[in-house]
PDB file of N, CA and C in Angstrom:
ATOM      1  N   UNK A   1      94.542 110.117  42.223  1.00  0.00           N
ATOM      2  CA  UNK A   1      94.297 111.737  42.041  1.00  0.00           C
ATOM      3  C   UNK A   1      92.794 111.594  42.139  1.00  0.00           C
ATOM      4  N   UNK A   2      92.286 110.696  41.541  1.00  0.00           N
ATOM      5  CA  UNK A   2      90.790 110.680  41.339  1.00  0.00           C
ATOM      6  C   UNK A   2      90.180 110.703  43.308  1.00  0.00           C
ATOM      7  N   UNK A   3      91.111 109.276  43.808  1.00  0.00           N
ATOM      8  CA  UNK A   3      90.507 109.430  45.502  1.00  0.00           C
ATOM      9  C   UNK A   3      90.998 110.569  46.012  1.00  0.00           C
ATOM     10  N   UNK A   4      91.747 111.350  45.896  1.00  0.00           N
ATOM     11  CA  UNK A   4      91.926 112.586  46.846  1.00  0.00           C
ATOM     12  C   UNK A   4      91.039 113.681  46.499  1.00  0.00           C
ATOM     13  N   UNK A   5      90.612 113.781  45.403  1.00  0.00           N
ATOM     14  CA  UNK A   5      89.319 114.539  44.952  1.00  0.00           C
ATOM     15  C   UNK A   5      88.056 114.226  45.727  1.00  0.00           C
ATOM     16  N   UNK A   6      87.655 112.753  45.673  1.00  0.00           N
ATOM     17  CA  UNK A   6      86.861 112.247  46.328  1.00  0.00           C
ATOM     18  C   UNK A   6      86.494 112.548  47.853  1.00  0.00           C
ATOM     19  N   UNK A   7      87.817 112.595  48.111  1.00  0.00           N
ATOM     20  CA  UNK A   7      88.021 112.724  49.977  1.00  0.00           C
ATOM     21  C   UNK A   7      87.938 114.478  50.211  1.00  0.00           C
ATOM     22  N   UNK A   8      88.372 115.014  49.321  1.00  0.00           N
ATOM     23  CA  UNK A   8      88.205 116.666  49.669  1.00  0.00           C
ATOM     24  C   UNK A   8      86.641 117.147  49.263  1.00  0.00           C
ATOM     25  N   UNK A   9      86.313 116.266  48.507  1.00  0.00           N
ATOM     26  CA  UNK A   9      84.369 116.644  48.111  1.00  0.00           C
ATOM     27  C   UNK A   9      83.645 116.041  49.331  1.00  0.00           C
ATOM     28  N   UNK A  10      84.068 114.972  49.713  1.00  0.00           N
ATOM     29  CA  UNK A  10      83.191 114.465  51.169  1.00  0.00           C
ATOM     30  C   UNK A  10      83.517 115.433  52.364  1.00  0.00           C
ATOM     31  N   UNK A  11      84.607 116.065  52.238  1.00  0.00           N
ATOM     32  CA  UNK A  11      84.900 116.858  53.182  1.00  0.00           C
ATOM     33  C   UNK A  11      84.303 117.886  52.957  1.00  0.00           C
ATOM     34  N   UNK A  12      84.091 118.757  51.942  1.00  0.00           N
ATOM     35  CA  UNK A  12      83.719 119.849  51.251  1.00  0.00           C
ATOM     36  C   UNK A  12      81.918 119.972  51.792  1.00  0.00           C
ATOM     37  N   UNK A  13      81.470 118.772  51.480  1.00  0.00           N
ATOM     38  CA  UNK A  13      79.858 118.822  51.655  1.00  0.00           C
ATOM     39  C   UNK A  13      79.516 118.522  52.630  1.00  0.00           C
ATOM     40  N   UNK A  14      80.770 118.214  53.647  1.00  0.00           N
ATOM     41  CA  UNK A  14      80.097 117.452  54.925  1.00  0.00           C
ATOM     42  C   UNK A  14      81.412 118.260  56.410  1.00  0.00           C
ATOM     43  N   UNK A  15      81.424 119.450  56.087  1.00  0.00           N
ATOM     44  CA  UNK A  15      82.111 119.989  57.059  1.00  0.00           C
ATOM     45  C   UNK A  15      81.608 120.372  58.173  1.00  0.00           C
ATOM     46  N   UNK A  16      80.554 120.692  58.378  1.00  0.00           N
ATOM     47  CA  UNK A  16      79.930 120.700  59.988  1.00  0.00           C
ATOM     48  C   UNK A  16      80.065 119.163  60.651  1.00  0.00           C
ATOM     49  N   UNK A  17      80.031 118.210  59.873  1.00  0.00           N
ATOM     50  CA  UNK A  17      79.788 116.841  60.348  1.00  0.00           C
ATOM     51  C   UNK A  17      81.242 116.769  61.076  1.00  0.00           C
ATOM     52  N   UNK A  18      82.128 116.637  60.047  1.00  0.00           N
ATOM     53  CA  UNK A  18      83.609 116.393  60.069  1.00  0.00           C
ATOM     54  C   UNK A  18      84.328 117.283  61.476  1.00  0.00           C
ATOM     55  N   UNK A  19      83.709 118.851  61.257  1.00  0.00           N
ATOM     56  CA  UNK A  19      84.146 119.825  62.467  1.00  0.00           C
ATOM     57  C   UNK A  19      83.815 119.125  63.553  1.00  0.00           C
ATOM     58  N   UNK A  20      82.459 118.574  63.705  1.00  0.00           N
ATOM     59  CA  UNK A  20      82.075 118.081  64.986  1.00  0.00           C
ATOM     60  C   UNK A  20      82.902 116.759  65.295  1.00  0.00           C
ATOM     61  N   UNK A  21      82.713 116.079  64.359  1.00  0.00           N
ATOM     62  CA  UNK A  21      83.725 114.760  64.814  1.00  0.00           C
ATOM     63  C   UNK A  21      85.069 114.945  65.461  1.00  0.00           C
ATOM     64  N   UNK A  22      85.800 115.832  64.521  1.00  0.00           N
ATOM     65  CA  UNK A  22      86.997 115.993  65.281  1.00  0.00           C
ATOM     66  C   UNK A  22      87.015 116.692  67.017  1.00  0.00           C
ATOM     67  N   UNK A  23      86.019 118.022  66.867  1.00  0.00           N
ATOM     68  CA  UNK A  23      85.759 118.407  68.225  1.00  0.00           C
ATOM     69  C   UNK A  23      85.425 117.581  69.069  1.00  0.00           C
ATOM     70  N   UNK A  24      84.687 116.375  69.150  1.00  0.00           N
ATOM     71  CA  UNK A  24      84.460 115.196  69.847  1.00  0.00           C
ATOM     72  C   UNK A  24      85.450 113.859  70.333  1.00  0.00           C
ATOM     73  N   UNK A  25      86.148 114.087  69.063  1.00  0.00           N
ATOM     74  CA  UNK A  25      87.075 113.474  69.258  1.00  0.00           C
ATOM     75  C   UNK A  25      88.541 113.946  70.693  1.00  0.00           C
ATOM     76  N   UNK A  26      89.157 115.381  69.886  1.00  0.00           N
ATOM     77  CA  UNK A  26      89.628 116.009  70.831  1.00  0.00           C
ATOM     78  C   UNK A  26      89.155 116.274  72.435  1.00  0.00           C
ATOM     79  N   UNK A  27      87.933 116.560  72.742  1.00  0.00           N
ATOM     80  CA  UNK A  27      87.657 116.768  74.073  1.00  0.00           C
ATOM     81  C   UNK A  27      87.122 115.102  74.800  1.00  0.00           C
ATOM     82  N   UNK A  28      86.844 114.723  73.738  1.00  0.00           N
ATOM     83  CA  UNK A  28      86.725 113.199  74.680  1.00  0.00           C
ATOM     84  C   UNK A  28      87.537 112.144  75.072  1.00  0.00           C
ATOM     85  N   UNK A  29      88.978 112.450  74.110  1.00  0.00           N
ATOM     86  CA  UNK A  29      89.980 111.453  74.055  1.00  0.00           C
ATOM     87  C   UNK A  29      91.430 111.972  74.229  1.00  0.00           C
ATOM     88  N   UNK A  30      91.665 113.322  73.955  1.00  0.00           N
ATOM     89  CA  UNK A  30      92.897 113.587  73.355  1.00  0.00           C
ATOM     90  C   UNK A  30      93.472 114.940  74.607  1.00  0.00           C
ATOM     91  N   UNK A  31      92.711 115.887  74.339  1.00  0.00           N
ATOM     92  CA  UNK A  31      92.778 116.567  75.783  1.00  0.00           C
ATOM     93  C   UNK A  31      92.711 116.516  76.998  1.00  0.00           C
ATOM     94  N   UNK A  32      93.977 117.462  77.843  1.00  0.00           N
ATOM     95  CA  UNK A  32      94.014 117.212  79.165  1.00  0.00           C
ATOM     96  C   UNK A  32      92.603 117.097  79.956  1.00  0.00           C
ATOM     97  N   UNK A  33      91.540 117.969  79.579  1.00  0.00           N
ATOM     98  CA  UNK A  33      90.089 117.775  80.307  1.00  0.00           C
ATOM     99  C   UNK A  33      89.525 116.894  79.630  1.00  0.00           C
ATOM    100  N   UNK A  34      89.952 116.024  79.134  1.00  0.00           N
ATOM    101  CA  UNK A  34      89.309 115.024  78.263  1.00  0.00           C
ATOM    102  C   UNK A  34      87.837 114.308  79.127  1.00  0.00           C
ATOM    103  N   UNK A  35      87.239 113.290  78.635  1.00  0.00           N
ATOM    104  CA  UNK A  35      86.322 112.821  79.804  1.00  0.00           C
ATOM    105  C   UNK A  35      86.900 111.713  80.338  1.00  0.00           C
ATOM    106  N   UNK A  36      87.764 110.959  79.824  1.00  0.00           N
ATOM    107  CA  UNK A  36      88.488 109.673  80.202  1.00  0.00           C
ATOM    108  C   UNK A  36      89.241 110.380  81.526  1.00  0.00           C
ATOM    109  N   UNK A  37      90.000 111.533  81.470  1.00  0.00           N
ATOM    110  CA  UNK A  37      91.016 111.921  82.232  1.00  0.00           C
ATOM    111  C   UNK A  37      90.222 112.721  83.434  1.00  0.00           C
ATOM    112  N   UNK A  38      88.833 113.130  82.867  1.00  0.00           N
ATOM    113  CA  UNK A  38      87.674 113.358  84.271  1.00  0.00           C
ATOM    114  C   UNK A  38      87.331 112.090  84.766  1.00  0.00           C
ATOM    115  N   UNK A  39      87.125 111.375  84.583  1.00  0.00           N
ATOM    116  CA  UNK A  39      86.909 109.925  85.229  1.00  0.00           C
ATOM    117  C   UNK A  39      87.999 109.291  86.140  1.00  0.00           C
ATOM    118  N   UNK A  40      89.001 109.378  85.125  1.00  0.00           N
ATOM    119  CA  UNK A  40      89.775 109.170  85.979  1.00  0.00           C
ATOM    120  C   UNK A  40      90.424 110.002  87.396  1.00  0.00           C
ATOM    121  N   UNK A  41      90.251 111.443  86.992  1.00  0.00           N
ATOM    122  CA  UNK A  41      90.421 112.006  87.975  1.00  0.00           C
ATOM    123  C   UNK A  41      89.210 111.748  89.056  1.00  0.00           C
ATOM    124  N   UNK A  42      88.133 111.605  89.057  1.00  0.00           N
ATOM    125  CA  UNK A  42      87.044 111.180  89.828  1.00  0.00           C
ATOM    126  C   UNK A  42      86.928 110.395  90.579  1.00  0.00           C
ATOM    127  N   UNK A  43      87.966 109.102  89.873  1.00  0.00           N
ATOM    128  CA  UNK A  43      88.057 107.496  90.987  1.00  0.00           C
ATOM    129  C   UNK A  43      89.004 107.992  91.988  1.00  0.00           C
ATOM    130  N   UNK A  44      89.914 108.733  91.460  1.00  0.00           N
ATOM    131  CA  UNK A  44      91.468 108.983  92.217  1.00  0.00           C
ATOM    132  C   UNK A  44      90.954 109.763  93.401  1.00  0.00           C
ATOM    133  N   UNK A  45      90.222 110.962  92.995  1.00  0.00           N
ATOM    134  CA  UNK A  45      89.517 111.567  94.133  1.00  0.00           C
ATOM    135  C   UNK A  45      88.836 110.644  95.199  1.00  0.00           C
ATOM    136  N   UNK A  46      87.495 110.202  94.686  1.00  0.00           N
ATOM    137  CA  UNK A  46      86.877 109.313  95.866  1.00  0.00           C
ATOM    138  C   UNK A  46      87.833 108.273  96.510  1.00  0.00           C
ATOM    139  N   UNK A  47      88.926 107.290  95.776  1.00  0.00           N
ATOM    140  CA  UNK A  47      89.942 106.888  96.510  1.00  0.00           C
ATOM    141  C   UNK A  47      90.686 107.835  97.782  1.00  0.00           C
ATOM    142  N   UNK A  48      90.862 108.813  97.443  1.00  0.00           N
ATOM    143  CA  UNK A  48      91.543 109.815  98.469  1.00  0.00           C
ATOM    144  C   UNK A  48      90.526 110.478  99.528  1.00  0.00           C
ATOM    145  N   UNK A  49      89.300 110.719  99.244  1.00  0.00           N
ATOM    146  CA  UNK A  49      88.429 110.560 100.145  1.00  0.00           C
ATOM    147  C   UNK A  49      88.426 109.764 101.176  1.00  0.00           C
ATOM    148  N   UNK A  50      87.942 108.492 100.480  1.00  0.00           N
ATOM    149  CA  UNK A  50      87.997 107.540 101.726  1.00  0.00           C
ATOM    150  C   UNK A  50      89.343 106.920 102.148  1.00  0.00           C
ATOM    151  N   UNK A  51      90.431 107.585 101.853  1.00  0.00           N
ATOM    152  CA  UNK A  51      91.482 107.567 103.033  1.00  0.00           C
ATOM    153  C   UNK A  51      91.216 108.342 103.869  1.00  0.00           C
ATOM    154  N   UNK A  52      90.832 109.843 103.730  1.00  0.00           N
ATOM    155  CA  UNK A  52      90.938 110.787 104.499  1.00  0.00           C
ATOM    156  C   UNK A  52      90.025 110.222 105.877  1.00  0.00           C
ATOM    157  N   UNK A  53      88.919 109.629 105.060  1.00  0.00           N
ATOM    158  CA  UNK A  53      87.769 109.035 106.320  1.00  0.00           C
ATOM    159  C   UNK A  53      88.634 108.017 107.046  1.00  0.00           C
ATOM    160  N   UNK A  54      89.641 107.676 106.859  1.00  0.00           N
ATOM    161  CA  UNK A  54      89.958 106.180 107.479  1.00  0.00           C
ATOM    162  C   UNK A  54      90.864 107.238 108.480  1.00  0.00           C
ATOM    163  N   UNK A  55      92.020 108.139 107.766  1.00  0.00           N
ATOM    164  CA  UNK A  55      92.743 108.884 108.742  1.00  0.00           C
ATOM    165  C   UNK A  55      92.118 109.577 109.554  1.00  0.00           C
ATOM    166  N   UNK A  56      91.204 110.140 109.627  1.00  0.00           N
ATOM    167  CA  UNK A  56      90.284 110.717 110.604  1.00  0.00           C
ATOM    168  C   UNK A  56      89.940 109.781 111.805  1.00  0.00           C
ATOM    169  N   UNK A  57      89.685 108.719 111.358  1.00  0.00           N
ATOM    170  CA  UNK A  57      89.090 107.817 112.729  1.00  0.00           C
ATOM    171  C   UNK A  57      90.561 107.492 113.169  1.00  0.00           C
ATOM    172  N   UNK A  58      91.177 107.490 112.539  1.00  0.00           N
ATOM    173  CA  UNK A  58      92.906 107.338 113.355  1.00  0.00           C
ATOM    174  C   UNK A  58      93.255 108.348 114.310  1.00  0.00           C
ATOM    175  N   UNK A  59      92.674 109.660 113.380  1.00  0.00           N
ATOM    176  CA  UNK A  59      93.184 110.049 114.540  1.00  0.00           C
ATOM    177  C   UNK A  59      92.170 110.712 115.883  1.00  0.00           C
ATOM    178  N   UNK A  60      91.123 110.706 115.152  1.00  0.00           N
ATOM    179  CA  UNK A  60      90.128 110.514 116.603  1.00  0.00           C
ATOM    180  C   UNK A  60      90.510 109.821 117.632  1.00  0.00           C
ATOM    181  N   UNK A  61      90.559 108.489 117.351  1.00  0.00           N
ATOM    182  CA  UNK A  61      91.239 107.540 118.024  1.00  0.00           C
ATOM    183  C   UNK A  61      92.318 107.516 119.019  1.00  0.00           C
ATOM    184  N   UNK A  62      93.584 108.209 118.390  1.00  0.00           N
ATOM    185  CA  UNK A  62      94.785 108.599 118.972  1.00  0.00           C
ATOM    186  C   UNK A  62      94.471 109.934 119.782  1.00  0.00           C
ATOM    187  N   UNK A  63      93.666 110.415 119.516  1.00  0.00           N
ATOM    188  CA  UNK A  63      93.372 111.654 120.038  1.00  0.00           C
ATOM    189  C   UNK A  63      92.589 111.474 121.380  1.00  0.00           C
ATOM    190  N   UNK A  64      91.722 110.765 121.490  1.00  0.00           N
ATOM    191  CA  UNK A  64      90.696 110.342 122.704  1.00  0.00           C
ATOM    192  C   UNK A  64      91.661 109.469 123.651  1.00  0.00           C
ATOM    193  N   UNK A  65      92.648 108.770 122.741  1.00  0.00           N
ATOM    194  CA  UNK A  65      93.581 107.752 124.102  1.00  0.00           C
ATOM    195  C   UNK A  65      94.332 108.774 124.443  1.00  0.00           C
ATOM    196  N   UNK A  66      94.925 109.958 123.673  1.00  0.00           N
ATOM    197  CA  UNK A  66      95.702 111.145 124.487  1.00  0.00           C
ATOM    198  C   UNK A  66      95.163 111.534 125.253  1.00  0.00           C
ATOM    199  N   UNK A  67      94.075 112.386 125.052  1.00  0.00           N
ATOM    200  CA  UNK A  67      93.151 112.781 126.403  1.00  0.00           C
ATOM    201  C   UNK A  67      92.763 111.967 127.587  1.00  0.00           C
ATOM    202  N   UNK A  68      92.961 110.539 127.473  1.00  0.00           N
ATOM    203  CA  UNK A  68      92.176 109.545 128.453  1.00  0.00           C
ATOM    204  C   UNK A  68      93.800 109.478 129.418  1.00  0.00           C
ATOM    205  N   UNK A  69      94.879 109.021 128.545  1.00  0.00           N
ATOM    206  CA  UNK A  69      96.312 109.362 129.106  1.00  0.00           C
ATOM    207  C   UNK A  69      96.492 110.555 130.104  1.00  0.00           C
ATOM    208  N   UNK A  70      96.179 111.839 129.828  1.00  0.00           N
ATOM    209  CA  UNK A  70      96.357 112.830 130.153  1.00  0.00           C
ATOM    210  C   UNK A  70      95.734 113.162 131.717  1.00  0.00           C
ATOM    211  N   UNK A  71      94.723 112.508 131.347  1.00  0.00           N
ATOM    212  CA  UNK A  71      93.465 112.876 133.023  1.00  0.00           C
ATOM    213  C   UNK A  71      93.383 111.688 133.308  1.00  0.00           C
ATOM    214  N   UNK A  72      94.374 110.177 133.226  1.00  0.00           N
ATOM    215  CA  UNK A  72      93.952 108.997 133.757  1.00  0.00           C
ATOM    216  C   UNK A  72      95.211 108.512 134.089  1.00  0.00           C
ATOM    217  N   UNK A  73      95.946 108.349 135.103  1.00  0.00           N
ATOM    218  CA  UNK A  73      97.378 107.878 135.465  1.00  0.00           C
ATOM    219  C   UNK A  73      97.716 106.587 135.118  1.00  0.00           C
ATOM    220  N   UNK A  74      96.160 105.711 135.383  1.00  0.00           N
ATOM    221  CA  UNK A  74      96.225 104.315 135.194  1.00  0.00           C
ATOM    222  C   UNK A  74      95.914 104.117 133.356  1.00  0.00           C
ATOM    223  N   UNK A  75      95.515 104.721 132.925  1.00  0.00           N
ATOM    224  CA  UNK A  75      95.554 104.828 131.446  1.00  0.00           C
ATOM    225  C   UNK A  75      96.694 103.848 130.720  1.00  0.00           C
ATOM    226  N   UNK A  76      97.965 105.106 131.017  1.00  0.00           N
ATOM    227  CA  UNK A  76      99.069 104.650 130.770  1.00  0.00           C
ATOM    228  C   UNK A  76      99.354 102.848 130.941  1.00  0.00           C
ATOM    229  N   UNK A  77      99.301 102.655 132.192  1.00  0.00           N
ATOM    230  CA  UNK A  77      99.851 101.053 132.079  1.00  0.00           C
ATOM    231  C   UNK A  77      98.641 100.377 131.460  1.00  0.00           C
ATOM    232  N   UNK A  78      97.461 100.831 131.544  1.00  0.00           N
ATOM    233  CA  UNK A  78      96.541  99.967 131.135  1.00  0.00           C
ATOM    234  C   UNK A  78      97.019  99.969 129.117  1.00  0.00           C
ATOM    235  N   UNK A  79      97.165 101.166 128.582  1.00  0.00           N
ATOM    236  CA  UNK A  79      97.776 100.638 126.825  1.00  0.00           C
ATOM    237  C   UNK A  79      99.406  99.820 126.725  1.00  0.00           C
ATOM    238  N   UNK A  80     100.155 100.135 127.789  1.00  0.00           N
ATOM    239  CA  UNK A  80     101.061  99.518 128.033  1.00  0.00           C
ATOM    240  C   UNK A  80     100.604  97.932 127.845  1.00  0.00           C
ATOM    241  N   UNK A  81      99.900  97.591 128.324  1.00  0.00           N
ATOM    242  CA  UNK A  81      99.877  96.289 128.883  1.00  0.00           C
ATOM    243  C   UNK A  81      99.374  95.836 127.783  1.00  0.00           C
ATOM    244  N   UNK A  82      98.184  95.976 126.672  1.00  0.00           N
ATOM    245  CA  UNK A  82      97.156  96.117 126.009  1.00  0.00           C
ATOM    246  C   UNK A  82      98.127  95.922 124.733  1.00  0.00           C
ATOM    247  N   UNK A  83      98.431  97.013 124.448  1.00  0.00           N
ATOM    248  CA  UNK A  83      99.214  97.383 122.832  1.00  0.00           C
ATOM    249  C   UNK A  83     100.712  96.646 123.270  1.00  0.00           C
ATOM    250  N   UNK A  84     101.293  96.573 123.788  1.00  0.00           N
ATOM    251  CA  UNK A  84     102.826  96.544 123.882  1.00  0.00           C
ATOM    252  C   UNK A  84     103.169  95.302 124.935  1.00  0.00           C
ATOM    253  N   UNK A  85     102.177  94.368 125.392  1.00  0.00           N
ATOM    254  CA  UNK A  85     102.660  93.602 126.413  1.00  0.00           C
ATOM    255  C   UNK A  85     103.279  93.658 127.247  1.00  0.00           C
ATOM    256  N   UNK A  86     103.422  94.453 127.903  1.00  0.00           N
ATOM    257  CA  UNK A  86     104.348  94.601 129.012  1.00  0.00           C
ATOM    258  C   UNK A  86     103.746  93.991 130.329  1.00  0.00           C
ATOM    259  N   UNK A  87     104.659  94.067 131.539  1.00  0.00           N
ATOM    260  CA  UNK A  87     104.219  93.647 132.731  1.00  0.00           C
ATOM    261  C   UNK A  87     105.337  93.946 133.609  1.00  0.00           C
ATOM    262  N   UNK A  88     104.471  93.717 134.871  1.00  0.00           N
ATOM    263  CA  UNK A  88     105.349  93.746 136.094  1.00  0.00           C
ATOM    264  C   UNK A  88     106.423  92.879 136.586  1.00  0.00           C
ATOM    265  N   UNK A  89     107.605  93.214 137.136  1.00  0.00           N
ATOM    266  CA  UNK A  89     108.752  91.869 137.630  1.00  0.00           C
ATOM    267  C   UNK A  89     107.548  91.026 138.342  1.00  0.00           C
ATOM    268  N   UNK A  90     107.952  89.853 138.034  1.00  0.00           N
ATOM    269  CA  UNK A  90     107.337  88.465 139.002  1.00  0.00           C
ATOM    270  C   UNK A  90     105.791  88.466 138.351  1.00  0.00           C
ATOM    271  N   UNK A  91     105.484  89.022 137.637  1.00  0.00           N
ATOM    272  CA  UNK A  91     104.073  88.361 136.749  1.00  0.00           C
ATOM    273  C   UNK A  91     104.321  87.773 135.634  1.00  0.00           C
ATOM    274  N   UNK A  92     103.484  86.733 135.393  1.00  0.00           N
ATOM    275  CA  UNK A  92     103.352  86.163 134.373  1.00  0.00           C
ATOM    276  C   UNK A  92     101.955  86.367 133.370  1.00  0.00           C
ATOM    277  N   UNK A  93     102.160  86.837 132.181  1.00  0.00           N
ATOM    278  CA  UNK A  93     101.527  87.388 131.258  1.00  0.00           C
ATOM    279  C   UNK A  93     100.856  86.089 130.196  1.00  0.00           C
ATOM    280  N   UNK A  94      99.950  85.729 130.240  1.00  0.00           N
ATOM    281  CA  UNK A  94      99.516  84.520 129.369  1.00  0.00           C
ATOM    282  C   UNK A  94      98.346  85.266 127.787  1.00  0.00           C
ATOM    283  N   UNK A  95      99.134  85.258 126.856  1.00  0.00           N
ATOM    284  CA  UNK A  95      98.434  85.813 125.685  1.00  0.00           C
ATOM    285  C   UNK A  95      97.640  84.832 124.771  1.00  0.00           C
ATOM    286  N   UNK A  96      96.238  85.617 124.687  1.00  0.00           N
ATOM    287  CA  UNK A  96      95.701  84.125 123.779  1.00  0.00           C
ATOM    288  C   UNK A  96      95.324  85.206 122.566  1.00  0.00           C
ATOM    289  N   UNK A  97      95.448  84.103 121.325  1.00  0.00           N
ATOM    290  CA  UNK A  97      95.291  85.055 120.257  1.00  0.00           C
ATOM    291  C   UNK A  97      94.299  83.994 119.402  1.00  0.00           C
ATOM    292  N   UNK A  98      93.733  84.817 118.432  1.00  0.00           N
ATOM    293  CA  UNK A  98      92.804  83.864 117.161  1.00  0.00           C
ATOM    294  C   UNK A  98      93.786  83.766 116.386  1.00  0.00           C
ATOM    295  N   UNK A  99      93.311  82.468 115.559  1.00  0.00           N
ATOM    296  CA  UNK A  99      94.036  81.963 114.097  1.00  0.00           C
ATOM    297  C   UNK A  99      94.575  83.166 113.474  1.00  0.00           C
ATOM    298  N   UNK A 100      93.563  84.089 113.277  1.00  0.00           N
ATOM    299  CA  UNK A 100      93.666  85.167 112.340  1.00  0.00           C
ATOM    300  C   UNK A 100      95.274  86.006 112.258  1.00  0.00           C
ATOM    301  N   UNK A 101      95.316  86.417 113.711  1.00  0.00           N
ATOM    302  CA  UNK A 101      96.462  87.170 113.756  1.00  0.00           C
ATOM    303  C   UNK A 101      97.525  86.633 113.821  1.00  0.00           C
ATOM    304  N   UNK A 102      98.893  87.532 113.130  1.00  0.00           N
ATOM    305  CA  UNK A 102      99.930  86.815 113.032  1.00  0.00           C
ATOM    306  C   UNK A 102     101.098  86.601 114.571  1.00  0.00           C
ATOM    307  N   UNK A 103     101.123  85.759 114.419  1.00  0.00           N
ATOM    308  CA  UNK A 103     102.254  85.115 115.895  1.00  0.00           C
ATOM    309  C   UNK A 103     103.516  86.256 116.053  1.00  0.00           C
ATOM    310  N   UNK A 104     103.674  86.464 114.749  1.00  0.00           N
ATOM    311  CA  UNK A 104     105.167  87.354 115.213  1.00  0.00           C
ATOM    312  C   UNK A 104     104.700  88.855 115.757  1.00  0.00           C
ATOM    313  N   UNK A 105     103.718  89.166 116.213  1.00  0.00           N
ATOM    314  CA  UNK A 105     103.383  90.524 116.774  1.00  0.00           C
ATOM    315  C   UNK A 105     103.117  90.426 118.283  1.00  0.00           C
ATOM    316  N   UNK A 106     103.552  89.792 118.404  1.00  0.00           N
ATOM    317  CA  UNK A 106     103.650  89.356 120.037  1.00  0.00           C
ATOM    318  C   UNK A 106     104.910  89.631 120.354  1.00  0.00           C
ATOM    319  N   UNK A 107     105.231  90.469 121.593  1.00  0.00           N
ATOM    320  CA  UNK A 107     106.451  91.055 121.976  1.00  0.00           C
ATOM    321  C   UNK A 107     107.079  90.130 122.818  1.00  0.00           C
ATOM    322  N   UNK A 108     108.569  90.454 123.096  1.00  0.00           N
ATOM    323  CA  UNK A 108     109.605  89.590 124.151  1.00  0.00           C
ATOM    324  C   UNK A 108     108.726  89.855 125.283  1.00  0.00           C
ATOM    325  N   UNK A 109     109.008  88.977 126.372  1.00  0.00           N
ATOM    326  CA  UNK A 109     108.194  88.651 127.773  1.00  0.00           C
ATOM    327  C   UNK A 109     109.675  89.456 128.665  1.00  0.00           C
ATOM    328  N   UNK A 110     110.534  90.129 127.513  1.00  0.00           N
ATOM    329  CA  UNK A 110     111.407  90.927 128.485  1.00  0.00           C
ATOM    330  C   UNK A 110     110.945  92.367 129.093  1.00  0.00           C
ATOM    331  N   UNK A 111     109.813  92.731 128.305  1.00  0.00           N
ATOM    332  CA  UNK A 111     109.351  94.386 128.418  1.00  0.00           C
ATOM    333  C   UNK A 111     108.655  94.269 129.880  1.00  0.00           C
ATOM    334  N   UNK A 112     108.987  95.111 130.635  1.00  0.00           N
ATOM    335  CA  UNK A 112     108.478  95.226 131.836  1.00  0.00           C
ATOM    336  C   UNK A 112     108.002  96.730 132.302  1.00  0.00           C
ATOM    337  N   UNK A 113     107.001  96.959 133.338  1.00  0.00           N
ATOM    338  CA  UNK A 113     106.165  98.057 132.993  1.00  0.00           C
ATOM    339  C   UNK A 113     106.759  98.520 134.634  1.00  0.00           C
ATOM    340  N   UNK A 114     107.961 100.134 134.383  1.00  0.00           N
ATOM    341  CA  UNK A 114     108.382 100.324 135.791  1.00  0.00           C
ATOM    342  C   UNK A 114     107.287 101.185 136.721  1.00  0.00           C
TER     343      UNK A 114
END
């Protein structure tokens, strides 16, 4: 019982310090808006912002290619030859790759441009 009384006396004497420590614990670690959650959300937001930038560049590239294909009829053939390895009938195509790229990306030689 004396131990319990000593705890109550400590709390009574240092009530402001106990309340401040309690508030710091709640705000710092337990609450949904705690500092830990804020840091996690900020990190996630930075990751999503970098993904947005990647998608913006991909969109701009695709949009540029689409506009080029609309204005230039030879652009479609160029895109088909470079990206899809298509060829005209009776034409031989040799694909030279660096060692870094995967060999499974090479399309079959059956594809042709009409």
